[in-house]
Amino acid sequence: MIYPIYVHMGDDTHAHGVTIPDFPGCFSAADNWVDVPIIVQEAVELYCDGEEMVMPEPSSLNDLMKSSEYTDGIWMMLDIDLSKLNTKAA
């Protein structure tokens, strides 16, 4: 399923910080852009591991872009493979 993620861009000494708004408190970081999809998938898998939860529907990117919570970064849309999540039925 395609979810919006928010990236605070890094530099030569700082990793790119990634927030996944539809999974509150779920975040990660990657040194390289090519690693962003991998670390997002891993972060969501860890976030959901063994939890009893219903998977959230992706938020509207238009709504998220209006939020003052997200500044100085960029939005990306990533496919998170929900079939890899180890969750209990809610």
PDB file of N, CA and C in Angstrom:
ATOM      1  N   MET A   1       0.845  -1.161   0.000  1.00  0.00           N
ATOM      2  CA  MET A   1       0.000   0.000   0.000  1.00  0.00           C
ATOM      3  C   MET A   1       0.902   1.240   0.000  1.00  0.00           C
ATOM      4  N   ILE A   2       0.502   2.252  -0.724  1.00  0.00           N
ATOM      5  CA  ILE A   2       1.310   3.466  -0.879  1.00  0.00           C
ATOM      6  C   ILE A   2       1.011   4.435   0.275  1.00  0.00           C
ATOM      7  N   TYR A   3       2.060   4.760   1.041  1.00  0.00           N
ATOM      8  CA  TYR A   3       1.940   5.673   2.180  1.00  0.00           C
ATOM      9  C   TYR A   3       2.830   6.894   1.984  1.00  0.00           C
ATOM     10  N   PRO A   4       2.387   8.044   2.502  1.00  0.00           N
ATOM     11  CA  PRO A   4       3.257   9.223   2.485  1.00  0.00           C
ATOM     12  C   PRO A   4       4.300   9.128   3.589  1.00  0.00           C
ATOM     13  N   ILE A   5       5.513   9.536   3.288  1.00  0.00           N
ATOM     14  CA  ILE A   5       6.556   9.639   4.307  1.00  0.00           C
ATOM     15  C   ILE A   5       7.164  11.036   4.195  1.00  0.00           C
ATOM     16  N   TYR A   6       7.696  11.499   5.306  1.00  0.00           N
ATOM     17  CA  TYR A   6       8.289  12.832   5.340  1.00  0.00           C
ATOM     18  C   TYR A   6       9.778  12.692   5.616  1.00  0.00           C
ATOM     19  N   VAL A   7      10.586  13.360   4.805  1.00  0.00           N
ATOM     20  CA  VAL A   7      12.038  13.231   4.907  1.00  0.00           C
ATOM     21  C   VAL A   7      12.673  14.593   5.211  1.00  0.00           C
ATOM     22  N   HIS A   8      13.429  14.623   6.310  1.00  0.00           N
ATOM     23  CA  HIS A   8      14.289  15.770   6.599  1.00  0.00           C
ATOM     24  C   HIS A   8      15.629  15.436   5.954  1.00  0.00           C
ATOM     25  N   MET A   9      15.990  16.197   4.954  1.00  0.00           N
ATOM     26  CA  MET A   9      17.182  15.877   4.177  1.00  0.00           C
ATOM     27  C   MET A   9      18.455  16.032   5.004  1.00  0.00           C
ATOM     28  N   GLY A  10      19.319  15.050   4.867  1.00  0.00           N
ATOM     29  CA  GLY A  10      20.602  15.068   5.541  1.00  0.00           C
ATOM     30  C   GLY A  10      21.660  15.779   4.712  1.00  0.00           C
ATOM     31  N   ASP A  11      22.891  15.650   5.169  1.00  0.00           N
ATOM     32  CA  ASP A  11      24.016  16.234   4.448  1.00  0.00           C
ATOM     33  C   ASP A  11      25.217  15.298   4.596  1.00  0.00           C
ATOM     34  N   ASP A  12      26.410  15.801   4.392  1.00  0.00           N
ATOM     35  CA  ASP A  12      27.605  14.947   4.442  1.00  0.00           C
ATOM     36  C   ASP A  12      27.842  14.311   5.812  1.00  0.00           C
ATOM     37  N   THR A  13      27.322  14.922   6.860  1.00  0.00           N
ATOM     38  CA  THR A  13      27.560  14.393   8.213  1.00  0.00           C
ATOM     39  C   THR A  13      26.289  13.945   8.933  1.00  0.00           C
ATOM     40  N   HIS A  14      25.121  14.116   8.309  1.00  0.00           N
ATOM     41  CA  HIS A  14      23.858  13.750   8.936  1.00  0.00           C
ATOM     42  C   HIS A  14      23.027  12.890   7.989  1.00  0.00           C
ATOM     43  N   ALA A  15      22.380  11.895   8.548  1.00  0.00           N
ATOM     44  CA  ALA A  15      21.506  11.026   7.761  1.00  0.00           C
ATOM     45  C   ALA A  15      20.201  11.748   7.424  1.00  0.00           C
ATOM     46  N   HIS A  16      19.484  11.224   6.446  1.00  0.00           N
ATOM     47  CA  HIS A  16      18.144  11.701   6.119  1.00  0.00           C
ATOM     48  C   HIS A  16      17.206  11.141   7.192  1.00  0.00           C
ATOM     49  N   GLY A  17      16.481  12.001   7.887  1.00  0.00           N
ATOM     50  CA  GLY A  17      15.518  11.555   8.893  1.00  0.00           C
ATOM     51  C   GLY A  17      14.174  11.306   8.247  1.00  0.00           C
ATOM     52  N   VAL A  18      13.546  10.188   8.587  1.00  0.00           N
ATOM     53  CA  VAL A  18      12.286   9.809   7.954  1.00  0.00           C
ATOM     54  C   VAL A  18      11.208   9.611   9.015  1.00  0.00           C
ATOM     55  N   THR A  19      10.043  10.218   8.775  1.00  0.00           N
ATOM     56  CA  THR A  19       8.872  10.050   9.626  1.00  0.00           C
ATOM     57  C   THR A  19       7.767   9.426   8.792  1.00  0.00           C
ATOM     58  N   ILE A  20       7.035   8.476   9.392  1.00  0.00           N
ATOM     59  CA  ILE A  20       5.927   7.826   8.702  1.00  0.00           C
ATOM     60  C   ILE A  20       4.653   8.214   9.463  1.00  0.00           C
ATOM     61  N   PRO A  21       3.961   9.280   9.046  1.00  0.00           N
ATOM     62  CA  PRO A  21       2.858   9.836   9.823  1.00  0.00           C
ATOM     63  C   PRO A  21       1.721   8.875  10.147  1.00  0.00           C
ATOM     64  N   ASP A  22       1.447   7.922   9.279  1.00  0.00           N
ATOM     65  CA  ASP A  22       0.328   7.011   9.523  1.00  0.00           C
ATOM     66  C   ASP A  22       0.642   5.954  10.579  1.00  0.00           C
ATOM     67  N   PHE A  23       1.880   5.909  11.017  1.00  0.00           N
ATOM     68  CA  PHE A  23       2.309   5.013  12.079  1.00  0.00           C
ATOM     69  C   PHE A  23       2.962   5.898  13.145  1.00  0.00           C
ATOM     70  N   PRO A  24       2.144   6.512  14.028  1.00  0.00           N
ATOM     71  CA  PRO A  24       2.648   7.499  14.997  1.00  0.00           C
ATOM     72  C   PRO A  24       3.842   6.993  15.801  1.00  0.00           C
ATOM     73  N   GLY A  25       4.883   7.813  15.832  1.00  0.00           N
ATOM     74  CA  GLY A  25       6.092   7.452  16.561  1.00  0.00           C
ATOM     75  C   GLY A  25       7.039   6.567  15.776  1.00  0.00           C
ATOM     76  N   CYS A  26       6.685   6.251  14.541  1.00  0.00           N
ATOM     77  CA  CYS A  26       7.529   5.397  13.698  1.00  0.00           C
ATOM     78  C   CYS A  26       8.414   6.291  12.834  1.00  0.00           C
ATOM     79  N   PHE A  27       9.718   6.125  13.002  1.00  0.00           N
ATOM     80  CA  PHE A  27      10.667   6.942  12.253  1.00  0.00           C
ATOM     81  C   PHE A  27      11.950   6.154  12.038  1.00  0.00           C
ATOM     82  N   SER A  28      12.802   6.653  11.177  1.00  0.00           N
ATOM     83  CA  SER A  28      14.076   6.005  10.900  1.00  0.00           C
ATOM     84  C   SER A  28      14.999   7.023  10.243  1.00  0.00           C
ATOM     85  N   ALA A  29      16.154   6.535   9.807  1.00  0.00           N
ATOM     86  CA  ALA A  29      17.125   7.401   9.138  1.00  0.00           C
ATOM     87  C   ALA A  29      17.936   6.581   8.147  1.00  0.00           C
ATOM     88  N   ALA A  30      18.376   7.250   7.084  1.00  0.00           N
ATOM     89  CA  ALA A  30      19.182   6.589   6.059  1.00  0.00           C
ATOM     90  C   ALA A  30      20.268   7.539   5.580  1.00  0.00           C
ATOM     91  N   ASP A  31      21.450   7.003   5.363  1.00  0.00           N
ATOM     92  CA  ASP A  31      22.552   7.819   4.851  1.00  0.00           C
ATOM     93  C   ASP A  31      22.403   8.099   3.360  1.00  0.00           C
ATOM     94  N   ASN A  32      21.770   7.172   2.627  1.00  0.00           N
ATOM     95  CA  ASN A  32      21.649   7.286   1.172  1.00  0.00           C
ATOM     96  C   ASN A  32      20.186   7.224   0.753  1.00  0.00           C
ATOM     97  N   TRP A  33      19.841   7.960  -0.300  1.00  0.00           N
ATOM     98  CA  TRP A  33      18.464   7.961  -0.798  1.00  0.00           C
ATOM     99  C   TRP A  33      17.992   6.573  -1.197  1.00  0.00           C
ATOM    100  N   VAL A  34      18.874   5.779  -1.757  1.00  0.00           N
ATOM    101  CA  VAL A  34      18.477   4.444  -2.215  1.00  0.00           C
ATOM    102  C   VAL A  34      18.039   3.562  -1.045  1.00  0.00           C
ATOM    103  N   ASP A  35      18.498   3.882   0.161  1.00  0.00           N
ATOM    104  CA  ASP A  35      18.150   3.088   1.339  1.00  0.00           C
ATOM    105  C   ASP A  35      16.820   3.484   1.965  1.00  0.00           C
ATOM    106  N   VAL A  36      16.248   4.611   1.572  1.00  0.00           N
ATOM    107  CA  VAL A  36      15.023   5.093   2.209  1.00  0.00           C
ATOM    108  C   VAL A  36      13.888   4.058   2.137  1.00  0.00           C
ATOM    109  N   PRO A  37      13.552   3.483   0.977  1.00  0.00           N
ATOM    110  CA  PRO A  37      12.471   2.490   0.971  1.00  0.00           C
ATOM    111  C   PRO A  37      12.757   1.285   1.870  1.00  0.00           C
ATOM    112  N   ILE A  38      14.001   0.874   1.947  1.00  0.00           N
ATOM    113  CA  ILE A  38      14.375  -0.285   2.757  1.00  0.00           C
ATOM    114  C   ILE A  38      14.186   0.017   4.242  1.00  0.00           C
ATOM    115  N   ILE A  39      14.675   1.168   4.691  1.00  0.00           N
ATOM    116  CA  ILE A  39      14.588   1.483   6.116  1.00  0.00           C
ATOM    117  C   ILE A  39      13.148   1.799   6.532  1.00  0.00           C
ATOM    118  N   VAL A  40      12.352   2.328   5.624  1.00  0.00           N
ATOM    119  CA  VAL A  40      10.940   2.572   5.941  1.00  0.00           C
ATOM    120  C   VAL A  40      10.225   1.242   6.135  1.00  0.00           C
ATOM    121  N   GLN A  41      10.440   0.294   5.234  1.00  0.00           N
ATOM    122  CA  GLN A  41       9.820  -1.026   5.377  1.00  0.00           C
ATOM    123  C   GLN A  41      10.237  -1.666   6.701  1.00  0.00           C
ATOM    124  N   GLU A  42      11.530  -1.619   7.015  1.00  0.00           N
ATOM    125  CA  GLU A  42      12.025  -2.204   8.259  1.00  0.00           C
ATOM    126  C   GLU A  42      11.419  -1.513   9.480  1.00  0.00           C
ATOM    127  N   ALA A  43      11.324  -0.190   9.438  1.00  0.00           N
ATOM    128  CA  ALA A  43      10.773   0.561  10.574  1.00  0.00           C
ATOM    129  C   ALA A  43       9.310   0.188  10.819  1.00  0.00           C
ATOM    130  N   VAL A  44       8.525   0.077   9.756  1.00  0.00           N
ATOM    131  CA  VAL A  44       7.113  -0.281   9.908  1.00  0.00           C
ATOM    132  C   VAL A  44       6.986  -1.723  10.395  1.00  0.00           C
ATOM    133  N   GLU A  45       7.823  -2.620   9.898  1.00  0.00           N
ATOM    134  CA  GLU A  45       7.792  -4.006  10.368  1.00  0.00           C
ATOM    135  C   GLU A  45       8.079  -4.077  11.872  1.00  0.00           C
ATOM    136  N   LEU A  46       9.079  -3.347  12.340  1.00  0.00           N
ATOM    137  CA  LEU A  46       9.391  -3.328  13.774  1.00  0.00           C
ATOM    138  C   LEU A  46       8.269  -2.677  14.577  1.00  0.00           C
ATOM    139  N   TYR A  47       7.711  -1.615  14.063  1.00  0.00           N
ATOM    140  CA  TYR A  47       6.628  -0.890  14.728  1.00  0.00           C
ATOM    141  C   TYR A  47       5.429  -1.812  14.963  1.00  0.00           C
ATOM    142  N   CYS A  48       5.120  -2.643  13.986  1.00  0.00           N
ATOM    143  CA  CYS A  48       3.929  -3.490  14.032  1.00  0.00           C
ATOM    144  C   CYS A  48       4.180  -4.877  14.619  1.00  0.00           C
ATOM    145  N   ASP A  49       5.423  -5.248  14.832  1.00  0.00           N
ATOM    146  CA  ASP A  49       5.777  -6.613  15.233  1.00  0.00           C
ATOM    147  C   ASP A  49       4.989  -7.086  16.456  1.00  0.00           C
ATOM    148  N   GLY A  50       4.125  -8.065  16.243  1.00  0.00           N
ATOM    149  CA  GLY A  50       3.365  -8.685  17.315  1.00  0.00           C
ATOM    150  C   GLY A  50       2.247  -7.836  17.892  1.00  0.00           C
ATOM    151  N   GLU A  51       2.008  -6.666  17.338  1.00  0.00           N
ATOM    152  CA  GLU A  51       0.975  -5.769  17.858  1.00  0.00           C
ATOM    153  C   GLU A  51      -0.402  -6.184  17.359  1.00  0.00           C
ATOM    154  N   GLU A  52      -1.401  -5.956  18.187  1.00  0.00           N
ATOM    155  CA  GLU A  52      -2.789  -6.146  17.771  1.00  0.00           C
ATOM    156  C   GLU A  52      -3.274  -4.805  17.255  1.00  0.00           C
ATOM    157  N   MET A  53      -3.354  -4.697  15.952  1.00  0.00           N
ATOM    158  CA  MET A  53      -3.744  -3.413  15.367  1.00  0.00           C
ATOM    159  C   MET A  53      -4.343  -3.608  13.985  1.00  0.00           C
ATOM    160  N   VAL A  54      -5.155  -2.662  13.617  1.00  0.00           N
ATOM    161  CA  VAL A  54      -5.693  -2.598  12.263  1.00  0.00           C
ATOM    162  C   VAL A  54      -4.775  -1.669  11.491  1.00  0.00           C
ATOM    163  N   MET A  55      -4.351  -2.079  10.333  1.00  0.00           N
ATOM    164  CA  MET A  55      -3.454  -1.247   9.534  1.00  0.00           C
ATOM    165  C   MET A  55      -4.172   0.018   9.102  1.00  0.00           C
ATOM    166  N   PRO A  56      -3.544   1.153   9.319  1.00  0.00           N
ATOM    167  CA  PRO A  56      -4.185   2.417   8.936  1.00  0.00           C
ATOM    168  C   PRO A  56      -4.215   2.593   7.420  1.00  0.00           C
ATOM    169  N   GLU A  57      -5.240   3.270   6.971  1.00  0.00           N
ATOM    170  CA  GLU A  57      -5.286   3.674   5.578  1.00  0.00           C
ATOM    171  C   GLU A  57      -4.305   4.831   5.409  1.00  0.00           C
ATOM    172  N   PRO A  58      -3.713   4.976   4.248  1.00  0.00           N
ATOM    173  CA  PRO A  58      -2.809   6.113   4.024  1.00  0.00           C
ATOM    174  C   PRO A  58      -3.537   7.444   4.168  1.00  0.00           C
ATOM    175  N   SER A  59      -2.887   8.382   4.827  1.00  0.00           N
ATOM    176  CA  SER A  59      -3.438   9.729   4.964  1.00  0.00           C
ATOM    177  C   SER A  59      -3.389  10.441   3.622  1.00  0.00           C
ATOM    178  N   SER A  60      -4.213  11.446   3.509  1.00  0.00           N
ATOM    179  CA  SER A  60      -4.210  12.288   2.312  1.00  0.00           C
ATOM    180  C   SER A  60      -2.943  13.134   2.310  1.00  0.00           C
ATOM    181  N   LEU A  61      -2.177  13.041   1.250  1.00  0.00           N
ATOM    182  CA  LEU A  61      -0.967  13.850   1.139  1.00  0.00           C
ATOM    183  C   LEU A  61      -1.320  15.334   1.159  1.00  0.00           C
ATOM    184  N   ASN A  62      -2.425  15.703   0.535  1.00  0.00           N
ATOM    185  CA  ASN A  62      -2.841  17.105   0.530  1.00  0.00           C
ATOM    186  C   ASN A  62      -3.093  17.609   1.947  1.00  0.00           C
ATOM    187  N   ASP A  63      -3.738  16.796   2.774  1.00  0.00           N
ATOM    188  CA  ASP A  63      -3.989  17.189   4.161  1.00  0.00           C
ATOM    189  C   ASP A  63      -2.686  17.293   4.944  1.00  0.00           C
ATOM    190  N   LEU A  64      -1.790  16.332   4.770  1.00  0.00           N
ATOM    191  CA  LEU A  64      -0.521  16.352   5.488  1.00  0.00           C
ATOM    192  C   LEU A  64       0.327  17.555   5.104  1.00  0.00           C
ATOM    193  N   MET A  65       0.290  17.925   3.843  1.00  0.00           N
ATOM    194  CA  MET A  65       1.097  19.057   3.366  1.00  0.00           C
ATOM    195  C   MET A  65       0.651  20.386   3.984  1.00  0.00           C
ATOM    196  N   LYS A  66      -0.576  20.442   4.459  1.00  0.00           N
ATOM    197  CA  LYS A  66      -1.103  21.656   5.084  1.00  0.00           C
ATOM    198  C   LYS A  66      -0.713  21.758   6.559  1.00  0.00           C
ATOM    199  N   SER A  67      -0.214  20.683   7.126  1.00  0.00           N
ATOM    200  CA  SER A  67       0.110  20.652   8.546  1.00  0.00           C
ATOM    201  C   SER A  67       1.382  21.431   8.853  1.00  0.00           C
ATOM    202  N   SER A  68       1.331  22.233   9.902  1.00  0.00           N
ATOM    203  CA  SER A  68       2.516  22.986  10.324  1.00  0.00           C
ATOM    204  C   SER A  68       3.528  22.087  11.031  1.00  0.00           C
ATOM    205  N   GLU A  69       3.149  20.847  11.275  1.00  0.00           N
ATOM    206  CA  GLU A  69       4.045  19.882  11.928  1.00  0.00           C
ATOM    207  C   GLU A  69       5.209  19.485  11.018  1.00  0.00           C
ATOM    208  N   TYR A  70       5.016  19.615   9.725  1.00  0.00           N
ATOM    209  CA  TYR A  70       6.022  19.174   8.769  1.00  0.00           C
ATOM    210  C   TYR A  70       6.573  20.378   7.995  1.00  0.00           C
ATOM    211  N   THR A  71       7.798  20.771   8.339  1.00  0.00           N
ATOM    212  CA  THR A  71       8.446  21.893   7.663  1.00  0.00           C
ATOM    213  C   THR A  71       9.890  21.532   7.363  1.00  0.00           C
ATOM    214  N   ASP A  72      10.452  22.174   6.394  1.00  0.00           N
ATOM    215  CA  ASP A  72      11.869  22.026   6.041  1.00  0.00           C
ATOM    216  C   ASP A  72      12.243  20.634   5.556  1.00  0.00           C
ATOM    217  N   GLY A  73      11.320  19.916   4.972  1.00  0.00           N
ATOM    218  CA  GLY A  73      11.611  18.588   4.444  1.00  0.00           C
ATOM    219  C   GLY A  73      10.851  18.360   3.152  1.00  0.00           C
ATOM    220  N   ILE A  74      10.825  17.118   2.708  1.00  0.00           N
ATOM    221  CA  ILE A  74      10.107  16.778   1.475  1.00  0.00           C
ATOM    222  C   ILE A  74       9.215  15.570   1.709  1.00  0.00           C
ATOM    223  N   TRP A  75       8.168  15.485   0.940  1.00  0.00           N
ATOM    224  CA  TRP A  75       7.258  14.345   0.982  1.00  0.00           C
ATOM    225  C   TRP A  75       7.634  13.342  -0.101  1.00  0.00           C
ATOM    226  N   MET A  76       7.482  12.078   0.223  1.00  0.00           N
ATOM    227  CA  MET A  76       7.645  10.993  -0.743  1.00  0.00           C
ATOM    228  C   MET A  76       6.475  10.030  -0.538  1.00  0.00           C
ATOM    229  N   MET A  77       6.141   9.303  -1.568  1.00  0.00           N
ATOM    230  CA  MET A  77       5.136   8.249  -1.465  1.00  0.00           C
ATOM    231  C   MET A  77       5.858   6.923  -1.661  1.00  0.00           C
ATOM    232  N   LEU A  78       5.695   6.012  -0.683  1.00  0.00           N
ATOM    233  CA  LEU A  78       6.384   4.727  -0.760  1.00  0.00           C
ATOM    234  C   LEU A  78       5.409   3.578  -0.595  1.00  0.00           C
ATOM    235  N   ASP A  79       5.694   2.498  -1.281  1.00  0.00           N
ATOM    236  CA  ASP A  79       4.900   1.278  -1.179  1.00  0.00           C
ATOM    237  C   ASP A  79       5.416   0.464   0.005  1.00  0.00           C
ATOM    238  N   ILE A  80       4.598   0.347   1.045  1.00  0.00           N
ATOM    239  CA  ILE A  80       4.942  -0.467   2.207  1.00  0.00           C
ATOM    240  C   ILE A  80       4.227  -1.798   2.040  1.00  0.00           C
ATOM    241  N   ASP A  81       4.992  -2.876   2.060  1.00  0.00           N
ATOM    242  CA  ASP A  81       4.446  -4.218   1.853  1.00  0.00           C
ATOM    243  C   ASP A  81       3.842  -4.716   3.163  1.00  0.00           C
ATOM    244  N   LEU A  82       2.518  -4.553   3.293  1.00  0.00           N
ATOM    245  CA  LEU A  82       1.833  -4.944   4.523  1.00  0.00           C
ATOM    246  C   LEU A  82       1.818  -6.450   4.727  1.00  0.00           C
ATOM    247  N   SER A  83       2.034  -7.223   3.675  1.00  0.00           N
ATOM    248  CA  SER A  83       2.040  -8.683   3.816  1.00  0.00           C
ATOM    249  C   SER A  83       3.245  -9.182   4.616  1.00  0.00           C
ATOM    250  N   LYS A  84       4.263  -8.329   4.776  1.00  0.00           N
ATOM    251  CA  LYS A  84       5.446  -8.716   5.534  1.00  0.00           C
ATOM    252  C   LYS A  84       5.337  -8.391   7.021  1.00  0.00           C
ATOM    253  N   LEU A  85       4.219  -7.798   7.432  1.00  0.00           N
ATOM    254  CA  LEU A  85       4.073  -7.388   8.810  1.00  0.00           C
ATOM    255  C   LEU A  85       3.620  -8.561   9.678  1.00  0.00           C
ATOM    256  N   ASN A  86       4.247  -8.692  10.836  1.00  0.00           N
ATOM    257  CA  ASN A  86       3.927  -9.754  11.781  1.00  0.00           C
ATOM    258  C   ASN A  86       3.001  -9.164  12.832  1.00  0.00           C
ATOM    259  N   THR A  87       1.692  -9.095  12.489  1.00  0.00           N
ATOM    260  CA  THR A  87       0.723  -8.504  13.396  1.00  0.00           C
ATOM    261  C   THR A  87      -0.294  -9.558  13.820  1.00  0.00           C
ATOM    262  N   LYS A  88      -0.914  -9.302  14.958  1.00  0.00           N
ATOM    263  CA  LYS A  88      -2.011 -10.126  15.425  1.00  0.00           C
ATOM    264  C   LYS A  88      -3.299  -9.481  14.950  1.00  0.00           C
ATOM    265  N   ALA A  89      -4.315 -10.281  14.705  1.00  0.00           N
ATOM    266  CA  ALA A  89      -5.595  -9.728  14.291  1.00  0.00           C
ATOM    267  C   ALA A  89      -6.177  -8.871  15.415  1.00  0.00           C
ATOM    268  N   ALA A  90      -6.669  -7.712  15.058  1.00  0.00           N
ATOM    269  CA  ALA A  90      -7.259  -6.811  16.066  1.00  0.00           C
ATOM    270  C   ALA A  90      -8.688  -7.166  16.333  1.00  0.00           C
TER     271      ALA A  90
END
